[in-house]
Structure formats: structure tokens, C-alpha cells
N, C-alpha and C. Protein backbone atom coordinates (compact mmCIF):
# COMPACT_ATOMS: atom_id res chain seq x y z
N UNK A 1 -64.27 -67.10 48.47
CA UNK A 1 -64.84 -66.07 47.63
C UNK A 1 -63.81 -64.99 47.41
N UNK A 2 -63.61 -64.65 46.16
CA UNK A 2 -62.63 -63.62 45.82
C UNK A 2 -63.32 -62.30 45.56
N UNK A 3 -62.69 -61.26 46.13
CA UNK A 3 -63.22 -59.90 45.90
C UNK A 3 -62.43 -59.24 44.79
N UNK A 4 -63.05 -58.57 43.93
CA UNK A 4 -62.39 -57.88 42.82
C UNK A 4 -62.34 -56.39 43.10
N UNK A 5 -61.11 -55.81 43.11
CA UNK A 5 -60.93 -54.36 43.35
C UNK A 5 -60.73 -53.66 42.03
N UNK A 6 -61.55 -52.72 41.74
CA UNK A 6 -61.44 -51.96 40.51
C UNK A 6 -61.22 -50.48 40.81
N UNK A 7 -60.52 -49.84 39.89
CA UNK A 7 -60.31 -48.40 40.04
C UNK A 7 -61.62 -47.69 39.80
N UNK A 8 -61.75 -46.51 40.43
CA UNK A 8 -62.97 -45.73 40.20
C UNK A 8 -63.07 -45.39 38.73
N UNK A 9 -64.29 -45.16 38.31
CA UNK A 9 -64.53 -44.85 36.90
C UNK A 9 -63.75 -43.60 36.49
N UNK A 10 -63.08 -43.63 35.36
CA UNK A 10 -62.32 -42.47 34.84
C UNK A 10 -60.90 -42.42 35.32
N UNK A 11 -60.54 -43.15 36.37
CA UNK A 11 -59.15 -43.12 36.86
C UNK A 11 -58.29 -43.99 35.98
N UNK A 12 -56.98 -43.58 35.85
CA UNK A 12 -56.08 -44.35 35.02
C UNK A 12 -54.70 -44.33 35.64
N UNK A 13 -53.88 -45.23 35.16
CA UNK A 13 -52.51 -45.33 35.67
C UNK A 13 -51.69 -44.15 35.17
N UNK A 14 -50.80 -43.58 36.03
CA UNK A 14 -49.94 -42.45 35.66
C UNK A 14 -48.51 -42.94 35.59
N UNK A 15 -48.16 -43.63 34.55
CA UNK A 15 -46.82 -44.18 34.43
C UNK A 15 -45.82 -43.20 33.85
N UNK A 16 -46.21 -42.01 33.31
CA UNK A 16 -45.30 -41.04 32.69
C UNK A 16 -45.97 -39.70 32.53
N UNK A 17 -45.23 -38.77 31.83
CA UNK A 17 -45.76 -37.42 31.61
C UNK A 17 -46.62 -37.41 30.36
N UNK A 18 -47.62 -36.59 30.40
CA UNK A 18 -48.46 -36.44 29.21
C UNK A 18 -47.79 -35.45 28.26
N UNK A 19 -48.26 -35.40 27.03
CA UNK A 19 -47.70 -34.51 26.02
C UNK A 19 -47.85 -33.05 26.44
N UNK A 20 -48.97 -32.71 27.05
CA UNK A 20 -49.21 -31.34 27.50
C UNK A 20 -48.18 -30.94 28.55
N UNK A 21 -47.90 -31.83 29.47
CA UNK A 21 -46.93 -31.54 30.53
C UNK A 21 -45.53 -31.33 29.95
N UNK A 22 -45.18 -32.14 28.97
CA UNK A 22 -43.87 -32.00 28.33
C UNK A 22 -43.76 -30.67 27.62
N UNK A 23 -44.82 -30.28 26.90
CA UNK A 23 -44.81 -28.99 26.19
C UNK A 23 -44.70 -27.83 27.16
N UNK A 24 -45.46 -27.87 28.25
CA UNK A 24 -45.41 -26.80 29.25
C UNK A 24 -44.01 -26.69 29.85
N UNK A 25 -43.40 -27.82 30.16
CA UNK A 25 -42.04 -27.83 30.73
C UNK A 25 -41.05 -27.24 29.73
N UNK A 26 -41.21 -27.60 28.45
CA UNK A 26 -40.30 -27.09 27.42
C UNK A 26 -40.43 -25.57 27.28
N UNK A 27 -41.67 -25.07 27.33
CA UNK A 27 -41.90 -23.62 27.23
C UNK A 27 -41.27 -22.89 28.41
N UNK A 28 -41.45 -23.44 29.61
CA UNK A 28 -40.87 -22.82 30.81
C UNK A 28 -39.35 -22.79 30.72
N UNK A 29 -38.76 -23.91 30.30
CA UNK A 29 -37.30 -23.95 30.16
C UNK A 29 -36.80 -22.97 29.10
N UNK A 30 -37.57 -22.82 28.00
CA UNK A 30 -37.19 -21.87 26.96
C UNK A 30 -37.21 -20.44 27.49
N UNK A 31 -38.25 -20.11 28.25
CA UNK A 31 -38.34 -18.77 28.83
C UNK A 31 -37.19 -18.49 29.79
N UNK A 32 -36.86 -19.50 30.59
CA UNK A 32 -35.73 -19.34 31.51
C UNK A 32 -34.43 -19.13 30.73
N UNK A 33 -34.25 -19.92 29.64
CA UNK A 33 -33.05 -19.78 28.82
C UNK A 33 -32.96 -18.41 28.17
N UNK A 34 -34.09 -17.91 27.66
CA UNK A 34 -34.10 -16.58 27.05
C UNK A 34 -33.74 -15.51 28.09
N UNK A 35 -34.31 -15.64 29.27
CA UNK A 35 -34.01 -14.68 30.33
C UNK A 35 -32.54 -14.68 30.71
N UNK A 36 -31.94 -15.87 30.83
CA UNK A 36 -30.52 -15.96 31.16
C UNK A 36 -29.66 -15.37 30.06
N UNK A 37 -30.02 -15.65 28.80
CA UNK A 37 -29.25 -15.13 27.66
C UNK A 37 -29.29 -13.61 27.64
N UNK A 38 -30.47 -13.04 27.83
CA UNK A 38 -30.60 -11.58 27.83
C UNK A 38 -29.84 -10.98 29.01
N UNK A 39 -29.89 -11.65 30.14
CA UNK A 39 -29.16 -11.15 31.30
C UNK A 39 -27.65 -11.14 31.07
N UNK A 40 -27.14 -12.22 30.46
CA UNK A 40 -25.71 -12.28 30.16
C UNK A 40 -25.32 -11.24 29.13
N UNK A 41 -26.17 -11.02 28.13
CA UNK A 41 -25.88 -10.02 27.10
C UNK A 41 -25.84 -8.63 27.72
N UNK A 42 -26.81 -8.33 28.58
CA UNK A 42 -26.84 -7.03 29.24
C UNK A 42 -25.61 -6.83 30.13
N UNK A 43 -25.23 -7.88 30.85
CA UNK A 43 -24.05 -7.79 31.71
C UNK A 43 -22.80 -7.55 30.88
N UNK A 44 -22.70 -8.21 29.72
CA UNK A 44 -21.55 -8.02 28.84
C UNK A 44 -21.51 -6.60 28.28
N UNK A 45 -22.67 -6.07 27.88
CA UNK A 45 -22.73 -4.70 27.39
C UNK A 45 -22.33 -3.72 28.48
N UNK A 46 -22.79 -3.96 29.69
CA UNK A 46 -22.45 -3.07 30.81
C UNK A 46 -20.95 -3.11 31.08
N UNK A 47 -20.37 -4.31 31.03
CA UNK A 47 -18.92 -4.43 31.25
C UNK A 47 -18.15 -3.68 30.18
N UNK A 48 -18.56 -3.83 28.90
CA UNK A 48 -17.87 -3.13 27.82
C UNK A 48 -18.00 -1.62 27.96
N UNK A 49 -19.19 -1.16 28.36
CA UNK A 49 -19.41 0.28 28.52
C UNK A 49 -18.56 0.84 29.65
N UNK A 50 -18.51 0.10 30.77
CA UNK A 50 -17.70 0.55 31.91
C UNK A 50 -16.22 0.56 31.55
N UNK A 51 -15.77 -0.48 30.82
CA UNK A 51 -14.37 -0.55 30.41
C UNK A 51 -14.01 0.61 29.48
N UNK A 52 -14.90 0.86 28.50
CA UNK A 52 -14.65 1.97 27.57
C UNK A 52 -14.63 3.30 28.31
N UNK A 53 -15.60 3.48 29.21
CA UNK A 53 -15.67 4.72 29.99
C UNK A 53 -14.39 4.90 30.81
N UNK A 54 -13.91 3.81 31.40
CA UNK A 54 -12.69 3.89 32.22
C UNK A 54 -11.48 4.26 31.37
N UNK A 55 -11.36 3.63 30.17
CA UNK A 55 -10.23 3.94 29.30
C UNK A 55 -10.29 5.37 28.80
N UNK A 56 -11.50 5.82 28.44
CA UNK A 56 -11.65 7.18 27.95
C UNK A 56 -11.32 8.19 29.04
N UNK A 57 -11.83 7.94 30.24
CA UNK A 57 -11.54 8.83 31.36
C UNK A 57 -10.04 8.89 31.64
N UNK A 58 -9.38 7.73 31.56
CA UNK A 58 -7.94 7.67 31.80
C UNK A 58 -7.19 8.51 30.77
N UNK A 59 -7.58 8.38 29.49
CA UNK A 59 -6.92 9.14 28.43
C UNK A 59 -7.12 10.65 28.63
N UNK A 60 -8.34 11.04 28.97
CA UNK A 60 -8.62 12.46 29.17
C UNK A 60 -7.85 12.99 30.37
N UNK A 61 -7.80 12.22 31.45
CA UNK A 61 -7.07 12.67 32.65
C UNK A 61 -5.58 12.80 32.37
N UNK A 62 -5.02 11.87 31.58
CA UNK A 62 -3.61 11.96 31.22
C UNK A 62 -3.35 13.19 30.36
N UNK A 63 -4.27 13.46 29.42
CA UNK A 63 -4.13 14.64 28.56
C UNK A 63 -4.20 15.92 29.38
N UNK A 64 -5.15 15.96 30.31
CA UNK A 64 -5.30 17.14 31.16
C UNK A 64 -4.07 17.33 32.03
N UNK A 65 -3.54 16.24 32.59
CA UNK A 65 -2.37 16.34 33.45
C UNK A 65 -1.17 16.90 32.69
N UNK A 66 -0.94 16.40 31.47
CA UNK A 66 0.18 16.87 30.67
C UNK A 66 0.00 18.33 30.28
N UNK A 67 -1.20 18.66 29.85
CA UNK A 67 -1.49 20.04 29.44
C UNK A 67 -1.38 20.99 30.63
N UNK A 68 -1.88 20.57 31.79
CA UNK A 68 -1.80 21.42 32.97
C UNK A 68 -0.35 21.70 33.36
N UNK A 69 0.47 20.66 33.38
CA UNK A 69 1.87 20.83 33.77
C UNK A 69 2.59 21.80 32.84
N UNK A 70 2.36 21.67 31.54
CA UNK A 70 3.05 22.55 30.60
C UNK A 70 2.46 23.95 30.61
N UNK A 71 1.16 24.04 30.80
CA UNK A 71 0.51 25.35 30.84
C UNK A 71 0.96 26.14 32.06
N UNK A 72 1.08 25.47 33.18
CA UNK A 72 1.51 26.15 34.40
C UNK A 72 2.95 26.64 34.30
N UNK A 73 3.75 26.02 33.44
CA UNK A 73 5.16 26.38 33.33
C UNK A 73 5.41 27.55 32.39
N UNK A 74 4.42 27.88 31.55
CA UNK A 74 4.64 28.94 30.58
C UNK A 74 4.28 30.30 31.17
N UNK A 75 4.48 31.33 30.39
CA UNK A 75 4.08 32.68 30.77
C UNK A 75 3.24 33.27 29.64
N UNK A 76 2.55 34.35 29.93
CA UNK A 76 1.64 34.90 28.93
C UNK A 76 2.38 35.37 27.69
N UNK A 77 3.61 35.80 27.86
CA UNK A 77 4.39 36.25 26.70
C UNK A 77 4.86 35.09 25.83
N UNK A 78 4.78 33.87 26.36
CA UNK A 78 5.22 32.68 25.62
C UNK A 78 4.04 31.83 25.16
N UNK A 79 2.87 32.43 25.11
CA UNK A 79 1.65 31.70 24.80
C UNK A 79 0.87 32.45 23.72
N UNK A 80 0.37 31.73 22.75
CA UNK A 80 -0.52 32.30 21.74
C UNK A 80 -1.74 31.41 21.60
N UNK A 81 -2.89 32.05 21.38
CA UNK A 81 -4.15 31.35 21.22
C UNK A 81 -4.78 31.83 19.92
N UNK A 82 -5.07 30.90 19.02
CA UNK A 82 -5.62 31.26 17.71
C UNK A 82 -6.77 30.31 17.36
N UNK A 83 -7.41 30.57 16.22
CA UNK A 83 -8.48 29.72 15.71
C UNK A 83 -8.07 29.16 14.37
N UNK A 84 -8.39 27.86 14.15
CA UNK A 84 -8.12 27.28 12.85
C UNK A 84 -9.31 27.56 11.91
N UNK A 85 -9.28 27.00 10.72
CA UNK A 85 -10.31 27.27 9.73
C UNK A 85 -11.69 26.78 10.11
N UNK A 86 -11.79 25.85 11.06
CA UNK A 86 -13.07 25.31 11.49
C UNK A 86 -13.54 25.90 12.82
N UNK A 87 -12.83 26.89 13.31
CA UNK A 87 -13.22 27.53 14.56
C UNK A 87 -12.70 26.84 15.81
N UNK A 88 -11.81 25.87 15.65
CA UNK A 88 -11.21 25.20 16.81
C UNK A 88 -10.05 26.04 17.34
N UNK A 89 -9.90 26.05 18.65
CA UNK A 89 -8.81 26.78 19.24
C UNK A 89 -7.48 26.04 19.07
N UNK A 90 -6.43 26.80 18.82
CA UNK A 90 -5.08 26.26 18.69
C UNK A 90 -4.20 26.96 19.72
N UNK A 91 -3.63 26.17 20.62
CA UNK A 91 -2.80 26.71 21.70
C UNK A 91 -1.34 26.40 21.42
N UNK A 92 -0.51 27.45 21.39
CA UNK A 92 0.93 27.28 21.18
C UNK A 92 1.67 27.92 22.35
N UNK A 93 2.66 27.21 22.89
CA UNK A 93 3.36 27.73 24.06
C UNK A 93 4.79 27.21 24.11
N UNK A 94 5.57 27.85 24.96
CA UNK A 94 6.93 27.42 25.27
C UNK A 94 7.09 27.32 26.78
N UNK A 95 7.93 26.41 27.21
CA UNK A 95 8.19 26.23 28.64
C UNK A 95 9.67 26.48 28.91
N UNK A 96 10.04 26.75 30.16
CA UNK A 96 11.45 26.99 30.47
C UNK A 96 12.31 25.76 30.18
N UNK A 97 13.44 25.97 29.56
CA UNK A 97 14.45 24.93 29.34
C UNK A 97 15.79 25.46 29.85
N UNK A 98 16.84 24.66 29.71
CA UNK A 98 18.14 25.01 30.29
C UNK A 98 18.67 26.36 29.81
N UNK A 99 18.42 26.68 28.55
CA UNK A 99 19.03 27.89 27.98
C UNK A 99 18.02 28.97 27.62
N UNK A 100 16.80 28.84 28.07
CA UNK A 100 15.80 29.86 27.75
C UNK A 100 14.40 29.27 27.78
N UNK A 101 13.66 29.45 26.69
CA UNK A 101 12.31 28.90 26.57
C UNK A 101 12.23 28.05 25.31
N UNK A 102 11.50 26.96 25.42
CA UNK A 102 11.35 26.06 24.29
C UNK A 102 10.52 24.87 24.67
N UNK A 103 11.04 23.67 24.42
CA UNK A 103 10.33 22.42 24.69
C UNK A 103 11.20 21.51 25.53
N UNK A 104 10.57 20.90 26.54
CA UNK A 104 11.25 19.85 27.30
C UNK A 104 10.44 18.58 27.13
N UNK A 105 11.07 17.55 26.53
CA UNK A 105 10.36 16.30 26.30
C UNK A 105 11.38 15.17 26.20
N UNK A 106 11.24 14.16 27.05
CA UNK A 106 12.19 13.04 27.05
C UNK A 106 12.08 12.17 25.81
N UNK A 107 10.98 12.32 25.06
CA UNK A 107 10.84 11.53 23.84
C UNK A 107 11.73 12.04 22.71
N UNK A 108 12.38 13.18 22.91
CA UNK A 108 13.21 13.76 21.86
C UNK A 108 14.61 13.17 21.80
N UNK A 109 14.96 12.36 22.74
CA UNK A 109 16.30 11.78 22.71
C UNK A 109 16.62 11.04 23.98
N UNK A 110 17.89 10.76 24.17
CA UNK A 110 18.33 9.96 25.33
C UNK A 110 19.20 10.75 26.30
N UNK A 111 19.47 12.02 26.00
CA UNK A 111 20.32 12.84 26.87
C UNK A 111 19.59 14.12 27.24
N UNK A 112 19.95 14.73 28.36
CA UNK A 112 19.32 16.00 28.75
C UNK A 112 19.42 17.08 27.68
N UNK A 113 20.52 17.10 26.95
CA UNK A 113 20.67 18.09 25.89
C UNK A 113 19.62 17.91 24.81
N UNK A 114 19.23 16.66 24.54
CA UNK A 114 18.20 16.40 23.54
C UNK A 114 16.80 16.63 24.09
N UNK A 115 16.63 16.49 25.40
CA UNK A 115 15.33 16.73 26.00
C UNK A 115 14.97 18.22 26.00
N UNK A 116 15.96 19.08 26.14
CA UNK A 116 15.76 20.53 26.20
C UNK A 116 16.03 21.14 24.82
N UNK A 117 15.02 21.71 24.20
CA UNK A 117 15.17 22.29 22.88
C UNK A 117 14.80 23.77 22.93
N UNK A 118 15.80 24.60 22.98
CA UNK A 118 15.59 26.05 23.05
C UNK A 118 14.99 26.55 21.74
N UNK A 119 14.00 27.44 21.84
CA UNK A 119 13.37 28.02 20.67
C UNK A 119 12.29 27.17 20.03
N UNK A 120 12.11 25.93 20.47
CA UNK A 120 11.06 25.08 19.94
C UNK A 120 9.73 25.42 20.64
N UNK A 121 8.63 24.89 20.13
CA UNK A 121 7.30 25.20 20.68
C UNK A 121 6.44 23.95 20.78
N UNK A 122 5.45 24.03 21.65
CA UNK A 122 4.42 23.00 21.78
C UNK A 122 3.11 23.56 21.23
N UNK A 123 2.40 22.72 20.52
CA UNK A 123 1.12 23.17 19.97
C UNK A 123 0.04 22.12 20.26
N UNK A 124 -1.08 22.58 20.81
CA UNK A 124 -2.24 21.73 21.07
C UNK A 124 -3.35 22.15 20.12
N UNK A 125 -3.89 21.20 19.38
CA UNK A 125 -4.94 21.51 18.42
C UNK A 125 -5.85 20.32 18.22
N UNK A 126 -6.98 20.56 17.56
CA UNK A 126 -7.95 19.51 17.28
C UNK A 126 -7.80 19.08 15.82
N UNK A 127 -7.72 17.76 15.60
CA UNK A 127 -7.62 17.21 14.26
C UNK A 127 -8.57 16.02 14.12
N UNK A 128 -8.88 15.68 12.87
CA UNK A 128 -9.68 14.49 12.59
C UNK A 128 -8.73 13.31 12.42
N UNK A 129 -9.07 12.18 13.05
CA UNK A 129 -8.23 10.99 12.88
C UNK A 129 -8.72 10.15 11.71
N UNK A 130 -8.13 8.97 11.53
CA UNK A 130 -8.40 8.14 10.35
C UNK A 130 -9.84 7.63 10.30
N UNK A 131 -10.50 7.54 11.46
CA UNK A 131 -11.88 7.03 11.49
C UNK A 131 -12.90 8.16 11.62
N UNK A 132 -12.46 9.39 11.41
CA UNK A 132 -13.38 10.52 11.41
C UNK A 132 -13.73 11.07 12.78
N UNK A 133 -12.94 10.73 13.80
CA UNK A 133 -13.18 11.27 15.14
C UNK A 133 -12.28 12.48 15.38
N UNK A 134 -12.81 13.43 16.13
CA UNK A 134 -12.02 14.60 16.51
C UNK A 134 -11.15 14.23 17.71
N UNK A 135 -9.88 14.57 17.65
CA UNK A 135 -8.98 14.25 18.75
C UNK A 135 -8.07 15.43 19.06
N UNK A 136 -7.65 15.49 20.33
CA UNK A 136 -6.71 16.51 20.76
C UNK A 136 -5.30 16.00 20.47
N UNK A 137 -4.54 16.81 19.74
CA UNK A 137 -3.20 16.42 19.31
C UNK A 137 -2.18 17.37 19.92
N UNK A 138 -1.07 16.81 20.37
CA UNK A 138 0.06 17.60 20.89
C UNK A 138 1.19 17.49 19.88
N UNK A 139 1.63 18.63 19.39
CA UNK A 139 2.72 18.67 18.41
C UNK A 139 3.95 19.36 19.00
N UNK A 140 5.12 18.88 18.63
CA UNK A 140 6.38 19.53 18.97
C UNK A 140 6.93 20.15 17.69
N UNK A 141 7.10 21.48 17.72
CA UNK A 141 7.57 22.22 16.56
C UNK A 141 9.01 22.68 16.79
N UNK A 142 9.83 22.56 15.76
CA UNK A 142 11.20 23.08 15.90
C UNK A 142 11.20 24.59 15.72
N UNK A 143 12.36 25.20 15.77
CA UNK A 143 12.46 26.66 15.71
C UNK A 143 11.93 27.21 14.39
N UNK A 144 11.90 26.40 13.36
CA UNK A 144 11.38 26.83 12.07
C UNK A 144 9.90 26.57 11.89
N UNK A 145 9.25 26.01 12.91
CA UNK A 145 7.82 25.75 12.84
C UNK A 145 7.43 24.41 12.23
N UNK A 146 8.42 23.56 11.97
CA UNK A 146 8.14 22.24 11.40
C UNK A 146 7.80 21.23 12.50
N UNK A 147 6.78 20.43 12.27
CA UNK A 147 6.38 19.43 13.26
C UNK A 147 7.41 18.31 13.31
N UNK A 148 8.03 18.12 14.48
CA UNK A 148 9.02 17.07 14.66
C UNK A 148 8.45 15.83 15.34
N UNK A 149 7.38 16.03 16.07
CA UNK A 149 6.76 14.90 16.77
C UNK A 149 5.30 15.25 17.04
N UNK A 150 4.45 14.23 16.94
CA UNK A 150 3.01 14.45 17.15
C UNK A 150 2.41 13.25 17.86
N UNK A 151 1.50 13.50 18.78
CA UNK A 151 0.83 12.42 19.49
C UNK A 151 -0.61 12.82 19.80
N UNK A 152 -1.52 11.85 19.69
CA UNK A 152 -2.92 12.08 20.02
C UNK A 152 -3.12 11.83 21.52
N UNK A 153 -3.76 12.77 22.19
CA UNK A 153 -3.93 12.67 23.64
C UNK A 153 -5.33 12.20 24.04
N UNK A 154 -6.34 12.62 23.30
CA UNK A 154 -7.71 12.24 23.63
C UNK A 154 -8.54 12.25 22.36
N UNK A 155 -9.46 11.31 22.24
CA UNK A 155 -10.28 11.20 21.03
C UNK A 155 -11.76 11.42 21.36
N UNK A 156 -12.60 11.41 20.29
CA UNK A 156 -14.05 11.60 20.41
C UNK A 156 -14.40 12.93 21.07
N UNK A 157 -13.66 13.98 20.74
CA UNK A 157 -13.97 15.30 21.26
C UNK A 157 -15.30 15.80 20.70
N UNK A 158 -16.00 16.59 21.50
CA UNK A 158 -17.23 17.20 21.03
C UNK A 158 -16.93 18.21 19.92
N UNK A 159 -17.95 18.51 19.13
CA UNK A 159 -17.79 19.52 18.09
C UNK A 159 -18.15 20.89 18.65
N UNK A 160 -17.86 21.92 17.89
CA UNK A 160 -18.19 23.27 18.32
C UNK A 160 -19.69 23.52 18.34
N UNK A 161 -20.46 22.66 17.66
CA UNK A 161 -21.92 22.83 17.60
C UNK A 161 -22.65 22.06 18.68
N UNK A 162 -21.95 21.24 19.45
CA UNK A 162 -22.60 20.47 20.51
C UNK A 162 -23.15 21.39 21.59
N UNK A 163 -24.30 21.01 22.15
CA UNK A 163 -24.91 21.82 23.20
C UNK A 163 -24.02 21.88 24.43
N UNK A 164 -23.24 20.81 24.66
CA UNK A 164 -22.37 20.76 25.83
C UNK A 164 -21.10 21.59 25.65
N UNK A 165 -20.94 22.19 24.48
CA UNK A 165 -19.76 23.03 24.24
C UNK A 165 -18.71 22.30 23.43
N UNK A 166 -17.66 23.02 23.00
CA UNK A 166 -16.61 22.39 22.19
C UNK A 166 -15.79 21.39 22.99
N UNK A 167 -15.13 20.50 22.26
CA UNK A 167 -14.33 19.47 22.92
C UNK A 167 -13.06 20.00 23.54
N UNK A 168 -12.51 21.08 23.01
CA UNK A 168 -11.29 21.67 23.56
C UNK A 168 -11.46 23.18 23.57
N UNK A 169 -11.34 23.77 24.75
CA UNK A 169 -11.51 25.21 24.86
C UNK A 169 -10.55 25.79 25.89
N UNK A 170 -10.07 26.98 25.60
CA UNK A 170 -9.17 27.71 26.49
C UNK A 170 -9.74 29.11 26.64
N UNK A 171 -9.93 29.57 27.87
CA UNK A 171 -10.50 30.90 28.10
C UNK A 171 -9.77 31.56 29.27
N UNK A 172 -9.64 32.88 29.19
CA UNK A 172 -8.97 33.65 30.24
C UNK A 172 -9.96 34.58 30.91
N UNK A 173 -9.96 34.56 32.25
CA UNK A 173 -10.75 35.49 33.05
C UNK A 173 -9.82 36.13 34.06
N UNK A 174 -9.42 37.38 33.81
CA UNK A 174 -8.43 38.01 34.66
C UNK A 174 -7.09 37.32 34.50
N UNK A 175 -6.52 36.90 35.62
CA UNK A 175 -5.25 36.18 35.56
C UNK A 175 -5.43 34.67 35.67
N UNK A 176 -6.66 34.21 35.55
CA UNK A 176 -6.96 32.78 35.64
C UNK A 176 -7.35 32.25 34.26
N UNK A 177 -6.75 31.14 33.89
CA UNK A 177 -7.06 30.49 32.63
C UNK A 177 -7.84 29.21 32.90
N UNK A 178 -8.88 28.99 32.09
CA UNK A 178 -9.67 27.76 32.20
C UNK A 178 -9.48 26.94 30.93
N UNK A 179 -9.13 25.67 31.11
CA UNK A 179 -8.97 24.75 29.99
C UNK A 179 -9.92 23.57 30.20
N UNK A 180 -10.63 23.24 29.14
CA UNK A 180 -11.69 22.23 29.24
C UNK A 180 -11.57 21.22 28.10
N UNK A 181 -11.70 19.94 28.46
CA UNK A 181 -11.78 18.85 27.49
C UNK A 181 -13.11 18.13 27.68
N UNK A 182 -13.80 17.87 26.57
CA UNK A 182 -15.09 17.18 26.64
C UNK A 182 -15.14 16.12 25.55
N UNK A 183 -15.41 14.87 25.93
CA UNK A 183 -15.46 13.76 24.98
C UNK A 183 -16.82 13.07 25.08
N UNK A 184 -17.19 12.42 23.99
CA UNK A 184 -18.48 11.72 23.96
C UNK A 184 -18.26 10.21 24.05
N UNK A 185 -19.07 9.56 24.90
CA UNK A 185 -18.99 8.12 25.05
C UNK A 185 -19.63 7.43 23.85
N UNK A 186 -19.03 6.33 23.39
CA UNK A 186 -19.51 5.64 22.20
C UNK A 186 -20.80 4.88 22.47
N UNK A 187 -20.89 4.16 23.57
CA UNK A 187 -22.04 3.31 23.83
C UNK A 187 -23.23 4.11 24.36
N UNK A 188 -23.01 4.89 25.41
CA UNK A 188 -24.11 5.59 26.07
C UNK A 188 -24.40 6.94 25.45
N UNK A 189 -23.49 7.46 24.61
CA UNK A 189 -23.61 8.78 24.00
C UNK A 189 -23.57 9.88 25.06
N UNK A 190 -23.11 9.55 26.26
CA UNK A 190 -22.95 10.55 27.30
C UNK A 190 -21.67 11.36 27.08
N UNK A 191 -21.49 12.37 27.91
CA UNK A 191 -20.35 13.28 27.78
C UNK A 191 -19.50 13.23 29.04
N UNK A 192 -18.19 13.12 28.85
CA UNK A 192 -17.26 13.17 29.97
C UNK A 192 -16.43 14.44 29.83
N UNK A 193 -16.34 15.23 30.90
CA UNK A 193 -15.69 16.53 30.86
C UNK A 193 -14.64 16.65 31.95
N UNK A 194 -13.50 17.23 31.61
CA UNK A 194 -12.47 17.58 32.58
C UNK A 194 -12.15 19.07 32.39
N UNK A 195 -12.19 19.82 33.49
CA UNK A 195 -11.91 21.25 33.44
C UNK A 195 -10.90 21.59 34.54
N UNK A 196 -9.92 22.44 34.22
CA UNK A 196 -9.00 22.88 35.26
C UNK A 196 -8.69 24.36 35.07
N UNK A 197 -8.27 24.99 36.17
CA UNK A 197 -7.95 26.42 36.17
C UNK A 197 -6.51 26.60 36.65
N UNK A 198 -5.79 27.46 35.97
CA UNK A 198 -4.39 27.72 36.33
C UNK A 198 -4.07 29.21 36.23
N UNK A 199 -3.03 29.59 36.95
CA UNK A 199 -2.43 30.92 36.80
C UNK A 199 -1.05 30.74 36.19
N UNK A 200 -0.70 31.58 35.24
CA UNK A 200 0.57 31.45 34.55
C UNK A 200 1.70 32.07 35.36
N UNK A 201 2.92 31.70 34.97
CA UNK A 201 4.10 32.30 35.57
C UNK A 201 4.18 33.76 35.15
N UNK A 202 4.84 34.56 35.94
CA UNK A 202 5.01 35.97 35.58
C UNK A 202 6.08 36.12 34.50
């Protein structure tokens, strides 16, 4: 006598995935992919922002270092502070050179005689660059006031109307001078500021 074994009513063989299971798996994988993509995009944006912030900070620190060194070398009688047509401060000064006061800059030539220019002047001012950003510019003027060399030290300076204050400012309190540079970050729109205080030579 043979016994016949049958599956319970409603039961069926499970040889593969159903369409519903495949769709659910596809949706889950899509969500995971979207999450990974957004995470990578955010990480890339953060890296770019940090890199830009680092480069901007480096430029501002270099500008401050150069300005501080030259400012500390001058005297009040060799310094003038004026305003341009837009209300930006313009700083002009001379530093000690071999034969008096003028400009010392190795970019002016290959010999000490060319580095030391008696009667010449340094001028720091704010100008607009080719892309419409305000930048701090250092100019070397000859004895006749003609610009012989110019270089941009820091860009994206704040405007005079910004709540955080102007991008370049020079102020005197007693015998102490305060010089401030403030730039705006492109990605975060935050502000980076460097301020230093110096006393001039007698």
C-alpha cells in the first residue's frame, strides 16, 4: 500500500523571489545609493570649503605679515593715511634703506643697490579686480609717484557697508596703530579677520 504525501492546502514551492520582493530590494538599494551619493557630495563640498578657507587664510596671513613688517619699520613722519573716492583708506609709507628712507624690495632687481630705492614709497590700497572682487593691493611708487610694481595681497575684502566693518582699516589710538583685514568666504559666506597692533619707530 502506497501512502501519498501532499502539501498542506495553500502551500507552494518557493523556487525564487516574487516580483514584490524584487521591487522592495530595488527600492532599498536605490535609497542606499542616494544616501551614499549625497554623503560623497557633502564630503566633497566640505573638502572644497576647507581648502578654500585654508588658502584664503594663508593669503591674508601673508598680507598681514608683510604689512606688519613694513609698518613696524616706518615712522609717523614717513606715513600718510588718506581716503580714496569710495571711502577706502589708502596707506602710504617709506621704510629705512641704505641711504635714507624709501623702499626695500628684492623684486626690484638682483643686487642690493636695486633692492634699496631711496625716495620711493609703498602704497596699500583697495581696488576692484577683473572679477569684481575687492582686493588689497601693494604698490611700489618711484620718487615721481609712478607705480613701478603692483601685487594683490588678499582678495574678497569686505565693503565699507558690511556690518563686520571694512575689509581694510588703519586706526591710531595714542602711539598704537591697529591694522585690520577682513575677507568673506565664498562658500559659507563667513568672515575671516586678521588684526594686529604695532608701535612705530621714533
